[in-house]
Amino acid sequence: MPSSIMILGGTSLDTIIHLNQLPAPVPQTIWPQRAYRSVGSTGAGKSLNLAALGHRIILHTLLGRDAEAETIRQQLAKPGIRLLVETTDTSTEQHVNLMTAAGERISLFVQPPAEPETVDWQPVQKRLPETDLVVANILAYVKPALGWLRESGRPVWTDLHDYDGSDSYHQPFIDAADVIFLASDKLPDYRRTMEQLIRGGKSFVVCTHGSAGATLLSSDGKWLEQAAIRVPDVIDTNGAGDAFFSGFLHRYLQGGNLKTCLRAGAMAGALCVTSQDLVSNRLTPEALA
């Protein structure tokens, strides 16, 4: 049965540039393999994947008064996604992502996300009772909402991305969340960080390692490992982490055990990297069964 999921934060318009290798820090002219523009960021990625899996999504985001905002609206006009937009005077968030076939990436925030002094949270609060779960993405504008989200009694999940284990910016999201996802990119001892988060009262913590798979630690001290699912050709790794998160959450909401949730996440991530979009057109509930 589909669930209703509230997602807070994270849309951008990205220019994706594929290169044979990441550029050396010297003056040069580069001819890319291909380049294109696409909706990006973690809220868009999770929304598109979860909607493809049949869930009802309410996505709250910040957009400017510009053409980029209209493009994002159009690309997120999908069945199952309802946008709640706070319009800002700041331009819409934009990135330039330099990519290689090996999945390496350099992201340039050519237009950083807006940080308005105030946000009208009434549209979110009005719809909160109809949602089963909230995903609070680590956008600065989301921080003021974390207190009343926690008090609402709704389960809160967050994705810390490349958290280094000590950055104070992430602490409010850690405090508010029941479940935490993060990547091991900046964590030489990721297991120690996961154990610290579990001691902080989390139900479970999932740490992804890109092509090396993922690790889960539950509140009862059990460790689970999931290998990445290999694919013949990697086209674009943008959004693979959000696809993994979405596949995991989909199976979790179906009542799956944590091992089958990890497997579903790995399958969704594998499908994502075979597409240049944030969500594969082959992603269905049946594909993750």
Protein backbone atom coordinates (compact mmCIF):
# COMPACT_ATOMS: atom_id res chain seq x y z
CA MET A 1 0.00 0.00 0.00
CA PRO A 2 1.46 3.41 -0.94
CA SER A 3 2.48 5.75 1.85
CA SER A 4 2.37 9.53 2.10
CA ILE A 5 5.86 10.98 2.62
CA MET A 6 6.76 14.59 3.39
CA ILE A 7 10.16 15.66 2.05
CA LEU A 8 11.65 18.97 3.13
CA GLY A 9 14.29 20.68 1.04
CA GLY A 10 16.53 20.13 -1.91
CA THR A 11 15.89 21.06 -5.53
CA SER A 12 18.29 22.59 -8.03
CA LEU A 13 18.88 22.88 -11.74
CA ASP A 14 22.16 21.20 -12.61
CA THR A 15 24.50 21.25 -15.57
CA ILE A 16 26.04 17.78 -15.87
CA ILE A 17 29.37 17.57 -17.73
CA HIS A 18 30.92 14.17 -18.46
CA LEU A 19 34.71 14.05 -18.88
CA ASN A 20 37.27 11.33 -19.52
CA GLN A 21 38.95 12.38 -16.27
CA LEU A 22 38.64 15.16 -13.76
CA PRO A 23 40.64 18.23 -14.82
CA ALA A 24 44.10 18.96 -13.45
CA PRO A 25 44.48 22.39 -11.78
CA VAL A 26 46.13 24.00 -14.82
CA PRO A 27 44.78 26.33 -17.54
CA GLN A 28 43.27 24.22 -20.32
CA THR A 29 40.47 23.77 -22.83
CA ILE A 30 38.35 20.66 -22.35
CA TRP A 31 35.98 18.96 -24.77
CA PRO A 32 33.42 17.00 -22.72
CA GLN A 33 31.96 13.68 -23.78
CA ARG A 34 28.48 15.10 -23.27
CA ALA A 35 26.68 17.76 -21.26
CA TYR A 36 23.06 18.42 -20.35
CA ARG A 37 20.85 20.18 -17.80
CA SER A 38 18.64 18.33 -15.36
CA VAL A 39 16.76 18.78 -12.13
CA GLY A 40 19.01 17.89 -9.23
CA SER A 41 19.57 17.88 -5.46
CA THR A 42 18.55 15.48 -2.76
CA GLY A 43 14.89 16.41 -2.37
CA ALA A 44 14.22 16.06 -6.07
CA GLY A 45 16.09 12.74 -6.23
CA LYS A 46 14.19 11.19 -3.33
CA SER A 47 10.84 12.52 -4.57
CA LEU A 48 11.24 11.20 -8.11
CA ASN A 49 12.36 7.75 -6.96
CA LEU A 50 9.70 7.35 -4.29
CA ALA A 51 6.96 8.57 -6.63
CA ALA A 52 8.11 6.04 -9.23
CA LEU A 53 7.66 3.39 -6.53
CA GLY A 54 4.05 4.45 -6.07
CA HIS A 55 4.20 6.66 -2.98
CA ARG A 56 2.46 10.00 -2.50
CA ILE A 57 5.07 12.72 -2.07
CA ILE A 58 4.72 16.22 -0.67
CA LEU A 59 7.95 18.10 -1.46
CA HIS A 60 8.62 21.46 0.15
CA THR A 61 11.33 23.49 -1.54
CA LEU A 62 12.65 26.98 -2.18
CA LEU A 63 12.56 28.37 -5.73
CA GLY A 64 13.45 31.78 -7.12
CA ARG A 65 11.55 33.97 -9.53
CA ASP A 66 13.42 32.78 -12.60
CA ALA A 67 13.40 30.45 -15.59
CA GLU A 68 15.31 27.81 -13.66
CA ALA A 69 12.46 27.59 -11.15
CA GLU A 70 9.97 27.00 -13.95
CA THR A 71 12.12 24.24 -15.42
CA ILE A 72 12.26 22.52 -12.03
CA ARG A 73 8.49 22.79 -11.65
CA GLN A 74 8.01 21.19 -15.06
CA GLN A 75 10.46 18.35 -14.40
CA LEU A 76 8.83 17.56 -11.05
CA ALA A 77 5.29 17.63 -12.46
CA LYS A 78 5.00 13.86 -12.09
CA PRO A 79 2.15 11.68 -10.83
CA GLY A 80 2.41 11.34 -7.08
CA ILE A 81 4.45 14.51 -6.43
CA ARG A 82 2.86 17.59 -4.90
CA LEU A 83 5.08 20.66 -4.67
CA LEU A 84 4.88 23.16 -1.85
CA VAL A 85 7.01 26.10 -2.98
CA GLU A 86 8.34 29.00 -0.95
CA THR A 87 9.26 31.66 -3.50
CA THR A 88 12.41 33.60 -2.65
CA ASP A 89 14.08 36.70 -4.02
CA THR A 90 17.31 34.68 -4.22
CA SER A 91 17.90 32.89 -7.52
CA THR A 92 17.10 29.19 -7.75
CA GLU A 93 19.88 26.86 -6.61
CA GLN A 94 22.15 25.71 -9.46
CA HIS A 95 25.11 23.31 -9.65
CA VAL A 96 27.69 22.31 -12.24
CA ASN A 97 28.72 18.67 -11.81
CA LEU A 98 31.89 17.38 -13.45
CA MET A 99 31.61 13.61 -13.83
CA THR A 100 33.80 10.72 -14.97
CA ALA A 101 32.85 7.21 -16.06
CA ALA A 102 34.33 5.91 -12.80
CA GLY A 103 31.71 7.88 -10.86
CA GLU A 104 34.06 10.62 -9.65
CA ARG A 105 32.39 13.98 -9.22
CA ILE A 106 33.21 17.60 -8.54
CA SER A 107 30.14 19.70 -7.71
CA LEU A 108 30.30 23.47 -8.15
CA PHE A 109 27.54 25.42 -6.41
CA VAL A 110 27.29 28.22 -8.95
CA GLN A 111 24.14 29.45 -7.22
CA PRO A 112 24.05 28.35 -3.55
CA PRO A 113 20.73 27.45 -1.91
CA ALA A 114 18.69 30.30 -0.54
CA GLU A 115 18.60 30.94 3.21
CA PRO A 116 15.55 33.16 3.81
CA GLU A 117 15.19 34.78 7.22
CA THR A 118 11.69 33.40 7.57
CA VAL A 119 9.72 30.58 5.95
CA ASP A 120 5.95 30.12 5.97
CA TRP A 121 5.63 26.61 7.40
CA GLN A 122 1.83 26.65 7.59
CA PRO A 123 1.33 24.70 4.31
CA VAL A 124 3.63 21.96 5.65
CA GLN A 125 2.01 21.91 9.09
CA LYS A 126 -1.44 21.73 7.51
CA ARG A 127 -0.53 18.58 5.58
CA LEU A 128 1.61 16.92 8.22
CA PRO A 129 -1.28 14.93 9.74
CA GLU A 130 -1.85 13.14 6.42
CA THR A 131 1.78 11.97 6.13
CA ASP A 132 3.27 8.73 7.41
CA LEU A 133 6.91 9.85 7.58
CA VAL A 134 9.06 12.97 7.15
CA VAL A 135 12.41 13.20 5.39
CA ALA A 136 14.29 16.28 6.62
CA ASN A 137 17.12 17.07 4.20
CA ILE A 138 20.11 19.03 5.46
CA LEU A 139 19.22 22.41 3.98
CA ALA A 140 19.81 25.35 6.29
CA TYR A 141 16.27 26.66 5.87
CA VAL A 142 14.87 23.37 7.25
CA LYS A 143 16.57 23.74 10.65
CA PRO A 144 13.86 25.93 12.28
CA ALA A 145 11.26 23.26 11.47
CA LEU A 146 13.09 20.40 13.20
CA GLY A 147 11.76 21.12 16.68
CA TRP A 148 8.06 21.01 15.84
CA LEU A 149 8.61 18.12 13.43
CA ARG A 150 10.07 16.08 16.28
CA GLU A 151 7.20 17.06 18.56
CA SER A 152 4.64 16.03 15.92
CA GLY A 153 5.30 12.37 16.61
CA ARG A 154 5.91 11.59 12.94
CA PRO A 155 8.98 9.43 12.23
CA VAL A 156 11.82 11.63 10.94
CA TRP A 157 14.55 10.32 8.64
CA THR A 158 17.55 12.34 7.52
CA ASP A 159 20.45 11.91 5.11
CA LEU A 160 23.71 13.47 6.31
CA HIS A 161 25.51 12.78 2.99
CA ASP A 162 29.29 13.30 3.42
CA TYR A 163 29.19 14.07 7.16
CA ASP A 164 32.67 14.04 8.73
CA GLY A 165 31.58 12.84 12.15
CA SER A 166 31.96 16.16 13.96
CA ASP A 167 30.59 19.08 11.88
CA SER A 168 28.24 20.98 14.18
CA TYR A 169 26.06 22.04 11.22
CA HIS A 170 24.56 18.52 11.10
CA GLN A 171 23.81 18.21 14.82
CA PRO A 172 20.23 19.60 14.76
CA PHE A 173 19.34 17.08 12.05
CA ILE A 174 20.98 14.27 14.01
CA ASP A 175 19.07 15.25 17.16
CA ALA A 176 15.72 15.34 15.34
CA ALA A 177 16.04 12.09 13.38
CA ASP A 178 14.90 8.59 14.27
CA VAL A 179 16.85 7.08 11.35
CA ILE A 180 20.07 8.37 9.79
CA PHE A 181 21.71 7.73 6.45
CA LEU A 182 25.22 8.99 5.67
CA ALA A 183 28.16 8.29 3.37
CA SER A 184 31.61 7.10 4.40
CA ASP A 185 33.51 9.50 2.08
CA LYS A 186 34.84 11.61 4.98
CA LEU A 187 34.74 8.93 7.67
CA PRO A 188 37.94 6.87 7.94
CA ASP A 189 36.34 5.10 10.93
CA TYR A 190 32.69 5.07 9.86
CA ARG A 191 31.77 2.23 12.23
CA ARG A 192 32.78 4.33 15.23
CA THR A 193 30.58 7.19 13.99
CA MET A 194 27.67 4.80 13.44
CA GLU A 195 28.06 3.45 16.98
CA GLN A 196 28.03 7.00 18.37
CA LEU A 197 24.81 7.76 16.49
CA ILE A 198 23.16 4.57 17.78
CA ARG A 199 24.15 5.52 21.34
CA GLY A 200 22.32 8.77 20.65
CA GLY A 201 19.07 6.85 20.42
CA LYS A 202 18.65 6.16 16.69
CA SER A 203 16.63 3.16 15.52
CA PHE A 204 19.28 2.29 12.95
CA VAL A 205 22.00 3.97 10.91
CA VAL A 206 22.90 3.22 7.28
CA CYS A 207 26.29 4.17 5.83
CA THR A 208 26.81 3.95 2.07
CA HIS A 209 30.18 3.40 0.40
CA GLY A 210 29.43 4.02 -3.28
CA SER A 211 30.54 1.06 -5.37
CA ALA A 212 31.66 -0.73 -2.18
CA GLY A 213 28.08 -1.19 -0.96
CA ALA A 214 26.53 -0.22 2.37
CA THR A 215 26.63 -1.02 6.09
CA LEU A 216 23.76 -0.91 8.61
CA LEU A 217 23.89 -0.86 12.41
CA SER A 218 20.64 -1.39 14.33
CA SER A 219 19.81 -0.29 17.87
CA ASP A 220 20.23 -3.87 19.10
CA GLY A 221 23.86 -3.85 17.97
CA LYS A 222 23.48 -5.96 14.82
CA TRP A 223 25.66 -5.15 11.81
CA LEU A 224 24.48 -5.87 8.26
CA GLU A 225 26.46 -5.55 5.04
CA GLN A 226 25.14 -5.11 1.49
CA ALA A 227 27.31 -5.33 -1.60
CA ALA A 228 26.68 -2.97 -4.49
CA ILE A 229 24.82 -4.59 -7.38
CA ARG A 230 27.02 -4.54 -10.46
CA VAL A 231 25.72 -3.21 -13.77
CA PRO A 232 27.24 -3.61 -17.27
CA ASP A 233 27.53 0.13 -17.95
CA VAL A 234 27.53 3.10 -15.59
CA ILE A 235 26.00 6.11 -17.35
CA ASP A 236 25.62 8.67 -14.56
CA THR A 237 26.10 8.30 -10.79
CA ASN A 238 24.25 11.51 -9.89
CA GLY A 239 21.41 10.68 -7.52
CA ALA A 240 22.50 7.12 -6.76
CA GLY A 241 22.53 7.80 -3.02
CA ASP A 242 19.01 9.22 -3.10
CA ALA A 243 17.85 6.23 -5.15
CA PHE A 244 19.38 3.88 -2.56
CA PHE A 245 17.64 5.79 0.25
CA SER A 246 14.33 5.61 -1.63
CA GLY A 247 14.54 1.90 -2.43
CA PHE A 248 15.37 1.16 1.21
CA LEU A 249 12.51 3.34 2.51
CA HIS A 250 10.04 1.82 0.04
CA ARG A 251 10.76 -1.71 1.24
CA TYR A 252 10.77 -0.57 4.88
CA LEU A 253 7.29 0.92 4.52
CA GLN A 254 6.15 -2.39 3.03
CA GLY A 255 7.20 -4.12 6.24
CA GLY A 256 10.45 -5.61 4.97
CA ASN A 257 13.21 -6.61 7.34
CA LEU A 258 16.39 -4.56 7.34
CA LYS A 259 18.30 -7.02 5.16
CA THR A 260 15.69 -6.93 2.41
CA CYS A 261 15.56 -3.11 2.75
CA LEU A 262 19.30 -2.93 2.08
CA ARG A 263 18.89 -5.16 -0.96
CA ALA A 264 16.08 -2.97 -2.32
CA GLY A 265 18.22 0.12 -1.79
CA ALA A 266 21.13 -1.46 -3.66
CA MET A 267 18.87 -2.41 -6.55
CA ALA A 268 17.42 1.11 -6.81
CA GLY A 269 20.92 2.60 -6.75
CA ALA A 270 22.07 0.19 -9.47
CA LEU A 271 19.15 1.13 -11.69
CA CYS A 272 19.86 4.84 -11.14
CA VAL A 273 23.45 4.69 -12.40
CA THR A 274 22.27 3.13 -15.68
CA SER A 275 20.30 6.32 -16.48
CA GLN A 276 21.32 9.94 -16.95
CA ASP A 277 18.24 10.98 -14.96
CA LEU A 278 17.80 11.03 -11.19
CA VAL A 279 15.37 8.12 -11.50
CA SER A 280 15.56 5.17 -13.88
CA ASN A 281 12.55 4.53 -16.10
CA ARG A 282 12.96 0.87 -15.10
CA LEU A 283 12.40 1.57 -11.40
CA THR A 284 9.16 -0.09 -10.28
CA PRO A 285 8.03 -1.88 -7.12
CA GLU A 286 8.33 -5.14 -9.05
CA ALA A 287 11.96 -4.40 -9.92
CA LEU A 288 12.80 -4.23 -6.20
CA ALA A 289 10.72 -7.25 -5.15
